[in-house]
């Protein structure tokens, strides 16, 4: 097995954009949120009450937590709080939890 020449590979080089907007959210509180889940395999949409969540310092800046990670936390909470077993199985298949 060969050792890598550079242990710290460079970040992916993205194509040049016409317009790039960076953002940072300092503080966000999600309280009393309800998620609606509608999946084509299940005829009835489902409503799920979300947990109270607090997030701070996220956005698309490399020095802070990425906003997609925050969305993953919300998605995992939605999955965990779903009570319908059939819906959980379908979500597990789709998102490969």
PDB file of N, CA and C in Angstrom:
ATOM      1  N   UNK A   1       0.843  -1.182   0.000  1.00  0.00           N
ATOM      2  CA  UNK A   1       0.000   0.000   0.000  1.00  0.00           C
ATOM      3  C   UNK A   1       0.885   1.241   0.000  1.00  0.00           C
ATOM      4  N   UNK A   2       0.592   2.137  -0.895  1.00  0.00           N
ATOM      5  CA  UNK A   2       1.376   3.358  -0.997  1.00  0.00           C
ATOM      6  C   UNK A   2       0.780   4.446  -0.117  1.00  0.00           C
ATOM      7  N   UNK A   3       1.664   5.266   0.394  1.00  0.00           N
ATOM      8  CA  UNK A   3       1.234   6.390   1.208  1.00  0.00           C
ATOM      9  C   UNK A   3       0.919   7.572   0.293  1.00  0.00           C
ATOM     10  N   UNK A   4      -0.117   8.306   0.638  1.00  0.00           N
ATOM     11  CA  UNK A   4      -0.483   9.476  -0.150  1.00  0.00           C
ATOM     12  C   UNK A   4       0.609  10.531  -0.041  1.00  0.00           C
ATOM     13  N   UNK A   5       0.837  11.235  -1.118  1.00  0.00           N
ATOM     14  CA  UNK A   5       1.837  12.299  -1.115  1.00  0.00           C
ATOM     15  C   UNK A   5       1.365  13.453  -0.249  1.00  0.00           C
ATOM     16  N   UNK A   6       0.106  13.809  -0.388  1.00  0.00           N
ATOM     17  CA  UNK A   6      -0.444  14.927   0.364  1.00  0.00           C
ATOM     18  C   UNK A   6      -1.591  14.413   1.227  1.00  0.00           C
ATOM     19  N   UNK A   7      -1.441  14.466   2.536  1.00  0.00           N
ATOM     20  CA  UNK A   7      -2.471  13.982   3.459  1.00  0.00           C
ATOM     21  C   UNK A   7      -3.689  14.907   3.502  1.00  0.00           C
ATOM     22  N   UNK A   8      -3.523  16.158   3.148  1.00  0.00           N
ATOM     23  CA  UNK A   8      -4.619  17.124   3.148  1.00  0.00           C
ATOM     24  C   UNK A   8      -4.976  17.492   1.712  1.00  0.00           C
ATOM     25  N   UNK A   9      -5.897  16.727   1.089  1.00  0.00           N
ATOM     26  CA  UNK A   9      -6.252  17.055  -0.296  1.00  0.00           C
ATOM     27  C   UNK A   9      -6.950  18.414  -0.355  1.00  0.00           C
ATOM     28  N   UNK A  10      -6.777  19.162  -1.428  1.00  0.00           N
ATOM     29  CA  UNK A  10      -7.413  20.481  -1.526  1.00  0.00           C
ATOM     30  C   UNK A  10      -8.927  20.345  -1.652  1.00  0.00           C
ATOM     31  N   UNK A  11      -9.638  21.411  -1.285  1.00  0.00           N
ATOM     32  CA  UNK A  11     -11.092  21.432  -1.450  1.00  0.00           C
ATOM     33  C   UNK A  11     -11.426  21.283  -2.928  1.00  0.00           C
ATOM     34  N   UNK A  12     -12.631  20.816  -3.181  1.00  0.00           N
ATOM     35  CA  UNK A  12     -13.079  20.676  -4.558  1.00  0.00           C
ATOM     36  C   UNK A  12     -13.082  22.047  -5.227  1.00  0.00           C
ATOM     37  N   UNK A  13     -12.643  22.093  -6.443  1.00  0.00           N
ATOM     38  CA  UNK A  13     -12.634  23.344  -7.195  1.00  0.00           C
ATOM     39  C   UNK A  13     -13.957  23.443  -7.941  1.00  0.00           C
ATOM     40  N   UNK A  14     -14.742  24.444  -7.582  1.00  0.00           N
ATOM     41  CA  UNK A  14     -16.055  24.627  -8.169  1.00  0.00           C
ATOM     42  C   UNK A  14     -15.963  25.528  -9.387  1.00  0.00           C
ATOM     43  N   UNK A  15     -16.842  25.337 -10.361  1.00  0.00           N
ATOM     44  CA  UNK A  15     -16.833  26.231 -11.527  1.00  0.00           C
ATOM     45  C   UNK A  15     -17.201  27.653 -11.123  1.00  0.00           C
ATOM     46  N   UNK A  16     -16.728  28.611 -11.884  1.00  0.00           N
ATOM     47  CA  UNK A  16     -16.978  30.017 -11.612  1.00  0.00           C
ATOM     48  C   UNK A  16     -18.465  30.319 -11.743  1.00  0.00           C
ATOM     49  N   UNK A  17     -19.016  31.028 -10.761  1.00  0.00           N
ATOM     50  CA  UNK A  17     -20.432  31.397 -10.775  1.00  0.00           C
ATOM     51  C   UNK A  17     -20.566  32.856 -11.176  1.00  0.00           C
ATOM     52  N   UNK A  18     -21.691  33.158 -11.802  1.00  0.00           N
ATOM     53  CA  UNK A  18     -21.970  34.555 -12.141  1.00  0.00           C
ATOM     54  C   UNK A  18     -22.249  35.360 -10.881  1.00  0.00           C
ATOM     55  N   UNK A  19     -22.937  34.705  -9.923  1.00  0.00           N
ATOM     56  CA  UNK A  19     -23.312  35.402  -8.700  1.00  0.00           C
ATOM     57  C   UNK A  19     -23.245  34.405  -7.545  1.00  0.00           C
ATOM     58  N   UNK A  20     -22.542  34.751  -6.515  1.00  0.00           N
ATOM     59  CA  UNK A  20     -22.380  33.867  -5.363  1.00  0.00           C
ATOM     60  C   UNK A  20     -22.753  34.641  -4.107  1.00  0.00           C
ATOM     61  N   UNK A  21     -23.739  34.128  -3.380  1.00  0.00           N
ATOM     62  CA  UNK A  21     -24.199  34.809  -2.179  1.00  0.00           C
ATOM     63  C   UNK A  21     -23.875  33.931  -0.976  1.00  0.00           C
ATOM     64  N   UNK A  22     -23.062  34.438  -0.075  1.00  0.00           N
ATOM     65  CA  UNK A  22     -22.751  33.728   1.159  1.00  0.00           C
ATOM     66  C   UNK A  22     -23.653  34.259   2.256  1.00  0.00           C
ATOM     67  N   UNK A  23     -24.009  33.363   3.190  1.00  0.00           N
ATOM     68  CA  UNK A  23     -24.861  33.782   4.286  1.00  0.00           C
ATOM     69  C   UNK A  23     -24.452  33.081   5.570  1.00  0.00           C
ATOM     70  N   UNK A  24     -24.790  33.692   6.677  1.00  0.00           N
ATOM     71  CA  UNK A  24     -24.523  33.139   7.996  1.00  0.00           C
ATOM     72  C   UNK A  24     -25.719  33.458   8.888  1.00  0.00           C
ATOM     73  N   UNK A  25     -26.281  32.410   9.504  1.00  0.00           N
ATOM     74  CA  UNK A  25     -27.379  32.584  10.445  1.00  0.00           C
ATOM     75  C   UNK A  25     -26.776  32.476  11.836  1.00  0.00           C
ATOM     76  N   UNK A  26     -26.870  33.528  12.632  1.00  0.00           N
ATOM     77  CA  UNK A  26     -26.262  33.548  13.963  1.00  0.00           C
ATOM     78  C   UNK A  26     -27.022  32.684  14.963  1.00  0.00           C
ATOM     79  N   UNK A  27     -28.370  32.754  14.929  1.00  0.00           N
ATOM     80  CA  UNK A  27     -29.164  32.006  15.905  1.00  0.00           C
ATOM     81  C   UNK A  27     -30.514  31.665  15.291  1.00  0.00           C
ATOM     82  N   UNK A  28     -30.945  30.416  15.480  1.00  0.00           N
ATOM     83  CA  UNK A  28     -32.234  29.981  14.975  1.00  0.00           C
ATOM     84  C   UNK A  28     -32.869  29.032  15.978  1.00  0.00           C
ATOM     85  N   UNK A  29     -34.141  29.255  16.265  1.00  0.00           N
ATOM     86  CA  UNK A  29     -34.881  28.388  17.182  1.00  0.00           C
ATOM     87  C   UNK A  29     -36.096  27.841  16.441  1.00  0.00           C
ATOM     88  N   UNK A  30     -36.208  26.522  16.424  1.00  0.00           N
ATOM     89  CA  UNK A  30     -37.347  25.855  15.802  1.00  0.00           C
ATOM     90  C   UNK A  30     -38.228  25.332  16.930  1.00  0.00           C
ATOM     91  N   UNK A  31     -39.390  25.924  17.070  1.00  0.00           N
ATOM     92  CA  UNK A  31     -40.278  25.571  18.176  1.00  0.00           C
ATOM     93  C   UNK A  31     -41.699  25.418  17.649  1.00  0.00           C
ATOM     94  N   UNK A  32     -42.328  24.296  17.948  1.00  0.00           N
ATOM     95  CA  UNK A  32     -43.701  24.066  17.513  1.00  0.00           C
ATOM     96  C   UNK A  32     -43.820  23.766  16.036  1.00  0.00           C
ATOM     97  N   UNK A  33     -42.753  23.267  15.444  1.00  0.00           N
ATOM     98  CA  UNK A  33     -42.769  22.972  14.016  1.00  0.00           C
ATOM     99  C   UNK A  33     -43.520  21.684  13.707  1.00  0.00           C
ATOM    100  N   UNK A  34     -44.172  21.653  12.554  1.00  0.00           N
ATOM    101  CA  UNK A  34     -44.875  20.464  12.092  1.00  0.00           C
ATOM    102  C   UNK A  34     -44.379  20.146  10.697  1.00  0.00           C
ATOM    103  N   UNK A  35     -43.998  18.891  10.506  1.00  0.00           N
ATOM    104  CA  UNK A  35     -43.545  18.439   9.198  1.00  0.00           C
ATOM    105  C   UNK A  35     -44.634  17.629   8.524  1.00  0.00           C
ATOM    106  N   UNK A  36     -44.867  17.878   7.259  1.00  0.00           N
ATOM    107  CA  UNK A  36     -45.820  17.103   6.475  1.00  0.00           C
ATOM    108  C   UNK A  36     -45.034  16.158   5.571  1.00  0.00           C
ATOM    109  N   UNK A  37     -45.319  14.879   5.680  1.00  0.00           N
ATOM    110  CA  UNK A  37     -44.614  13.896   4.869  1.00  0.00           C
ATOM    111  C   UNK A  37     -45.606  13.312   3.873  1.00  0.00           C
ATOM    112  N   UNK A  38     -45.279  13.435   2.601  1.00  0.00           N
ATOM    113  CA  UNK A  38     -46.106  12.860   1.553  1.00  0.00           C
ATOM    114  C   UNK A  38     -45.195  12.028   0.667  1.00  0.00           C
ATOM    115  N   UNK A  39     -45.463  10.730   0.629  1.00  0.00           N
ATOM    116  CA  UNK A  39     -44.661   9.798  -0.155  1.00  0.00           C
ATOM    117  C   UNK A  39     -45.586   9.112  -1.148  1.00  0.00           C
ATOM    118  N   UNK A  40     -45.126   8.932  -2.380  1.00  0.00           N
ATOM    119  CA  UNK A  40     -45.979   8.348  -3.422  1.00  0.00           C
ATOM    120  C   UNK A  40     -46.406   6.915  -3.091  1.00  0.00           C
ATOM    121  N   UNK A  41     -45.600   6.174  -2.330  1.00  0.00           N
ATOM    122  CA  UNK A  41     -45.933   4.785  -1.996  1.00  0.00           C
ATOM    123  C   UNK A  41     -47.033   4.690  -0.938  1.00  0.00           C
ATOM    124  N   UNK A  42     -47.279   5.773  -0.199  1.00  0.00           N
ATOM    125  CA  UNK A  42     -48.301   5.785   0.850  1.00  0.00           C
ATOM    126  C   UNK A  42     -49.322   6.859   0.491  1.00  0.00           C
ATOM    127  N   UNK A  43     -50.594   6.464   0.464  1.00  0.00           N
ATOM    128  CA  UNK A  43     -51.635   7.369  -0.042  1.00  0.00           C
ATOM    129  C   UNK A  43     -51.934   8.552   0.888  1.00  0.00           C
ATOM    130  N   UNK A  44     -51.906   8.339   2.195  1.00  0.00           N
ATOM    131  CA  UNK A  44     -52.268   9.418   3.120  1.00  0.00           C
ATOM    132  C   UNK A  44     -51.035  10.190   3.586  1.00  0.00           C
ATOM    133  N   UNK A  45     -51.052  11.531   3.421  1.00  0.00           N
ATOM    134  CA  UNK A  45     -49.945  12.323   3.972  1.00  0.00           C
ATOM    135  C   UNK A  45     -49.950  12.248   5.502  1.00  0.00           C
ATOM    136  N   UNK A  46     -48.786  12.420   6.088  1.00  0.00           N
ATOM    137  CA  UNK A  46     -48.646  12.302   7.537  1.00  0.00           C
ATOM    138  C   UNK A  46     -48.108  13.604   8.101  1.00  0.00           C
ATOM    139  N   UNK A  47     -48.627  14.009   9.269  1.00  0.00           N
ATOM    140  CA  UNK A  47     -48.127  15.194   9.968  1.00  0.00           C
ATOM    141  C   UNK A  47     -47.329  14.728  11.178  1.00  0.00           C
ATOM    142  N   UNK A  48     -46.153  15.327  11.364  1.00  0.00           N
ATOM    143  CA  UNK A  48     -45.274  14.958  12.465  1.00  0.00           C
ATOM    144  C   UNK A  48     -44.876  16.229  13.206  1.00  0.00           C
ATOM    145  N   UNK A  49     -45.046  16.219  14.525  1.00  0.00           N
ATOM    146  CA  UNK A  49     -44.640  17.361  15.348  1.00  0.00           C
ATOM    147  C   UNK A  49     -43.133  17.254  15.599  1.00  0.00           C
ATOM    148  N   UNK A  50     -42.408  18.307  15.269  1.00  0.00           N
ATOM    149  CA  UNK A  50     -40.951  18.312  15.417  1.00  0.00           C
ATOM    150  C   UNK A  50     -40.532  18.693  16.838  1.00  0.00           C
ATOM    151  N   UNK A  51     -39.349  18.267  17.215  1.00  0.00           N
ATOM    152  CA  UNK A  51     -38.773  18.629  18.510  1.00  0.00           C
ATOM    153  C   UNK A  51     -38.387  20.104  18.502  1.00  0.00           C
ATOM    154  N   UNK A  52     -38.227  20.667  19.685  1.00  0.00           N
ATOM    155  CA  UNK A  52     -37.711  22.026  19.797  1.00  0.00           C
ATOM    156  C   UNK A  52     -36.205  21.955  19.565  1.00  0.00           C
ATOM    157  N   UNK A  53     -35.717  22.745  18.627  1.00  0.00           N
ATOM    158  CA  UNK A  53     -34.302  22.718  18.272  1.00  0.00           C
ATOM    159  C   UNK A  53     -33.732  24.129  18.256  1.00  0.00           C
ATOM    160  N   UNK A  54     -32.470  24.231  18.641  1.00  0.00           N
ATOM    161  CA  UNK A  54     -31.747  25.501  18.587  1.00  0.00           C
ATOM    162  C   UNK A  54     -30.469  25.292  17.781  1.00  0.00           C
ATOM    163  N   UNK A  55     -30.227  26.177  16.845  1.00  0.00           N
ATOM    164  CA  UNK A  55     -29.017  26.135  16.026  1.00  0.00           C
ATOM    165  C   UNK A  55     -28.358  27.508  16.084  1.00  0.00           C
ATOM    166  N   UNK A  56     -27.044  27.511  16.013  1.00  0.00           N
ATOM    167  CA  UNK A  56     -26.349  28.796  15.988  1.00  0.00           C
ATOM    168  C   UNK A  56     -25.162  28.723  15.040  1.00  0.00           C
ATOM    169  N   UNK A  57     -24.882  29.841  14.429  1.00  0.00           N
ATOM    170  CA  UNK A  57     -23.746  30.017  13.516  1.00  0.00           C
ATOM    171  C   UNK A  57     -23.675  28.936  12.447  1.00  0.00           C
ATOM    172  N   UNK A  58     -24.632  28.977  11.527  1.00  0.00           N
ATOM    173  CA  UNK A  58     -24.590  28.072  10.385  1.00  0.00           C
ATOM    174  C   UNK A  58     -24.863  28.856   9.104  1.00  0.00           C
ATOM    175  N   UNK A  59     -24.413  28.308   8.018  1.00  0.00           N
ATOM    176  CA  UNK A  59     -24.580  28.953   6.717  1.00  0.00           C
ATOM    177  C   UNK A  59     -23.779  28.205   5.682  1.00  0.00           C
ATOM    178  N   UNK A  60     -23.220  28.930   4.722  1.00  0.00           N
ATOM    179  CA  UNK A  60     -22.402  28.274   3.708  1.00  0.00           C
ATOM    180  C   UNK A  60     -20.944  28.749   3.757  1.00  0.00           C
ATOM    181  N   UNK A  61     -20.516  29.195   4.916  1.00  0.00           N
ATOM    182  CA  UNK A  61     -19.135  29.603   5.143  1.00  0.00           C
ATOM    183  C   UNK A  61     -18.351  28.414   5.708  1.00  0.00           C
ATOM    184  N   UNK A  62     -17.130  28.218   5.284  1.00  0.00           N
ATOM    185  CA  UNK A  62     -16.327  27.067   5.719  1.00  0.00           C
ATOM    186  C   UNK A  62     -15.983  27.094   7.208  1.00  0.00           C
ATOM    187  N   UNK A  63     -16.017  28.250   7.832  1.00  0.00           N
ATOM    188  CA  UNK A  63     -15.636  28.371   9.241  1.00  0.00           C
ATOM    189  C   UNK A  63     -16.786  28.016  10.184  1.00  0.00           C
ATOM    190  N   UNK A  64     -17.987  27.839   9.659  1.00  0.00           N
ATOM    191  CA  UNK A  64     -19.164  27.577  10.487  1.00  0.00           C
ATOM    192  C   UNK A  64     -19.834  26.285  10.037  1.00  0.00           C
ATOM    193  N   UNK A  65     -20.798  25.829  10.824  1.00  0.00           N
ATOM    194  CA  UNK A  65     -21.538  24.628  10.474  1.00  0.00           C
ATOM    195  C   UNK A  65     -22.312  24.873   9.176  1.00  0.00           C
ATOM    196  N   UNK A  66     -22.283  23.891   8.273  1.00  0.00           N
ATOM    197  CA  UNK A  66     -22.944  24.056   6.981  1.00  0.00           C
ATOM    198  C   UNK A  66     -24.455  23.905   7.147  1.00  0.00           C
ATOM    199  N   UNK A  67     -25.204  24.680   6.383  1.00  0.00           N
ATOM    200  CA  UNK A  67     -26.663  24.662   6.507  1.00  0.00           C
ATOM    201  C   UNK A  67     -27.254  23.311   6.135  1.00  0.00           C
ATOM    202  N   UNK A  68     -26.593  22.551   5.274  1.00  0.00           N
ATOM    203  CA  UNK A  68     -27.105  21.231   4.903  1.00  0.00           C
ATOM    204  C   UNK A  68     -27.027  20.260   6.078  1.00  0.00           C
ATOM    205  N   UNK A  69     -26.052  20.432   6.953  1.00  0.00           N
ATOM    206  CA  UNK A  69     -25.976  19.602   8.157  1.00  0.00           C
ATOM    207  C   UNK A  69     -27.149  19.903   9.091  1.00  0.00           C
ATOM    208  N   UNK A  70     -27.552  21.156   9.164  1.00  0.00           N
ATOM    209  CA  UNK A  70     -28.707  21.539   9.976  1.00  0.00           C
ATOM    210  C   UNK A  70     -29.969  20.904   9.399  1.00  0.00           C
ATOM    211  N   UNK A  71     -30.099  20.917   8.081  1.00  0.00           N
ATOM    212  CA  UNK A  71     -31.256  20.296   7.446  1.00  0.00           C
ATOM    213  C   UNK A  71     -31.272  18.783   7.698  1.00  0.00           C
ATOM    214  N   UNK A  72     -30.092  18.152   7.762  1.00  0.00           N
ATOM    215  CA  UNK A  72     -30.017  16.724   8.084  1.00  0.00           C
ATOM    216  C   UNK A  72     -30.521  16.454   9.491  1.00  0.00           C
ATOM    217  N   UNK A  73     -30.176  17.313  10.458  1.00  0.00           N
ATOM    218  CA  UNK A  73     -30.681  17.162  11.828  1.00  0.00           C
ATOM    219  C   UNK A  73     -32.210  17.209  11.845  1.00  0.00           C
ATOM    220  N   UNK A  74     -32.771  18.146  11.095  1.00  0.00           N
ATOM    221  CA  UNK A  74     -34.229  18.274  11.044  1.00  0.00           C
ATOM    222  C   UNK A  74     -34.850  17.038  10.395  1.00  0.00           C
ATOM    223  N   UNK A  75     -34.239  16.543   9.334  1.00  0.00           N
ATOM    224  CA  UNK A  75     -34.726  15.342   8.663  1.00  0.00           C
ATOM    225  C   UNK A  75     -34.667  14.131   9.589  1.00  0.00           C
ATOM    226  N   UNK A  76     -33.565  13.964  10.324  1.00  0.00           N
ATOM    227  CA  UNK A  76     -33.445  12.843  11.262  1.00  0.00           C
ATOM    228  C   UNK A  76     -34.498  12.948  12.366  1.00  0.00           C
ATOM    229  N   UNK A  77     -34.771  14.151  12.836  1.00  0.00           N
ATOM    230  CA  UNK A  77     -35.790  14.344  13.855  1.00  0.00           C
ATOM    231  C   UNK A  77     -37.165  13.971  13.304  1.00  0.00           C
ATOM    232  N   UNK A  78     -37.424  14.365  12.079  1.00  0.00           N
ATOM    233  CA  UNK A  78     -38.683  14.033  11.426  1.00  0.00           C
ATOM    234  C   UNK A  78     -38.849  12.521  11.329  1.00  0.00           C
ATOM    235  N   UNK A  79     -37.779  11.841  10.952  1.00  0.00           N
ATOM    236  CA  UNK A  79     -37.795  10.382  10.850  1.00  0.00           C
ATOM    237  C   UNK A  79     -37.997   9.740  12.228  1.00  0.00           C
ATOM    238  N   UNK A  80     -37.281  10.206  13.232  1.00  0.00           N
ATOM    239  CA  UNK A  80     -37.341   9.613  14.568  1.00  0.00           C
ATOM    240  C   UNK A  80     -38.710   9.803  15.218  1.00  0.00           C
ATOM    241  N   UNK A  81     -39.365  10.906  14.935  1.00  0.00           N
ATOM    242  CA  UNK A  81     -40.644  11.192  15.578  1.00  0.00           C
ATOM    243  C   UNK A  81     -41.838  10.651  14.795  1.00  0.00           C
ATOM    244  N   UNK A  82     -41.594  10.051  13.637  1.00  0.00           N
ATOM    245  CA  UNK A  82     -42.663   9.422  12.864  1.00  0.00           C
ATOM    246  C   UNK A  82     -43.106   8.154  13.577  1.00  0.00           C
ATOM    247  N   UNK A  83     -44.402   8.039  13.813  1.00  0.00           N
ATOM    248  CA  UNK A  83     -44.917   6.893  14.557  1.00  0.00           C
ATOM    249  C   UNK A  83     -45.391   5.756  13.654  1.00  0.00           C
ATOM    250  N   UNK A  84     -45.686   6.038  12.396  1.00  0.00           N
ATOM    251  CA  UNK A  84     -46.175   5.018  11.474  1.00  0.00           C
ATOM    252  C   UNK A  84     -45.011   4.152  10.988  1.00  0.00           C
ATOM    253  N   UNK A  85     -45.093   2.861  11.284  1.00  0.00           N
ATOM    254  CA  UNK A  85     -43.996   1.946  10.962  1.00  0.00           C
ATOM    255  C   UNK A  85     -43.813   1.794   9.455  1.00  0.00           C
ATOM    256  N   UNK A  86     -44.897   1.736   8.715  1.00  0.00           N
ATOM    257  CA  UNK A  86     -44.805   1.622   7.252  1.00  0.00           C
ATOM    258  C   UNK A  86     -44.112   2.823   6.641  1.00  0.00           C
ATOM    259  N   UNK A  87     -44.436   4.000   7.136  1.00  0.00           N
ATOM    260  CA  UNK A  87     -43.821   5.233   6.646  1.00  0.00           C
ATOM    261  C   UNK A  87     -42.338   5.267   6.998  1.00  0.00           C
ATOM    262  N   UNK A  88     -41.991   4.801   8.198  1.00  0.00           N
ATOM    263  CA  UNK A  88     -40.577   4.756   8.601  1.00  0.00           C
ATOM    264  C   UNK A  88     -39.769   3.853   7.676  1.00  0.00           C
ATOM    265  N   UNK A  89     -40.339   2.705   7.303  1.00  0.00           N
ATOM    266  CA  UNK A  89     -39.645   1.778   6.403  1.00  0.00           C
ATOM    267  C   UNK A  89     -39.405   2.418   5.041  1.00  0.00           C
ATOM    268  N   UNK A  90     -40.422   3.114   4.531  1.00  0.00           N
ATOM    269  CA  UNK A  90     -40.291   3.778   3.228  1.00  0.00           C
ATOM    270  C   UNK A  90     -39.241   4.880   3.297  1.00  0.00           C
ATOM    271  N   UNK A  91     -39.267   5.694   4.356  1.00  0.00           N
ATOM    272  CA  UNK A  91     -38.272   6.762   4.522  1.00  0.00           C
ATOM    273  C   UNK A  91     -36.871   6.191   4.659  1.00  0.00           C
ATOM    274  N   UNK A  92     -36.743   5.072   5.368  1.00  0.00           N
ATOM    275  CA  UNK A  92     -35.435   4.435   5.529  1.00  0.00           C
ATOM    276  C   UNK A  92     -34.892   3.973   4.178  1.00  0.00           C
ATOM    277  N   UNK A  93     -35.776   3.441   3.328  1.00  0.00           N
ATOM    278  CA  UNK A  93     -35.361   3.030   1.976  1.00  0.00           C
ATOM    279  C   UNK A  93     -34.912   4.223   1.143  1.00  0.00           C
ATOM    280  N   UNK A  94     -35.711   5.292   1.177  1.00  0.00           N
ATOM    281  CA  UNK A  94     -35.436   6.459   0.347  1.00  0.00           C
ATOM    282  C   UNK A  94     -34.139   7.148   0.761  1.00  0.00           C
ATOM    283  N   UNK A  95     -33.982   7.418   2.063  1.00  0.00           N
ATOM    284  CA  UNK A  95     -32.845   8.198   2.530  1.00  0.00           C
ATOM    285  C   UNK A  95     -31.685   7.368   3.037  1.00  0.00           C
ATOM    286  N   UNK A  96     -31.833   6.034   3.007  1.00  0.00           N
ATOM    287  CA  UNK A  96     -30.748   5.107   3.385  1.00  0.00           C
ATOM    288  C   UNK A  96     -30.170   5.412   4.765  1.00  0.00           C
ATOM    289  N   UNK A  97     -31.060   5.495   5.768  1.00  0.00           N
ATOM    290  CA  UNK A  97     -30.637   5.733   7.146  1.00  0.00           C
ATOM    291  C   UNK A  97     -29.950   4.496   7.669  1.00  0.00           C
TER     292      UNK A  97
END
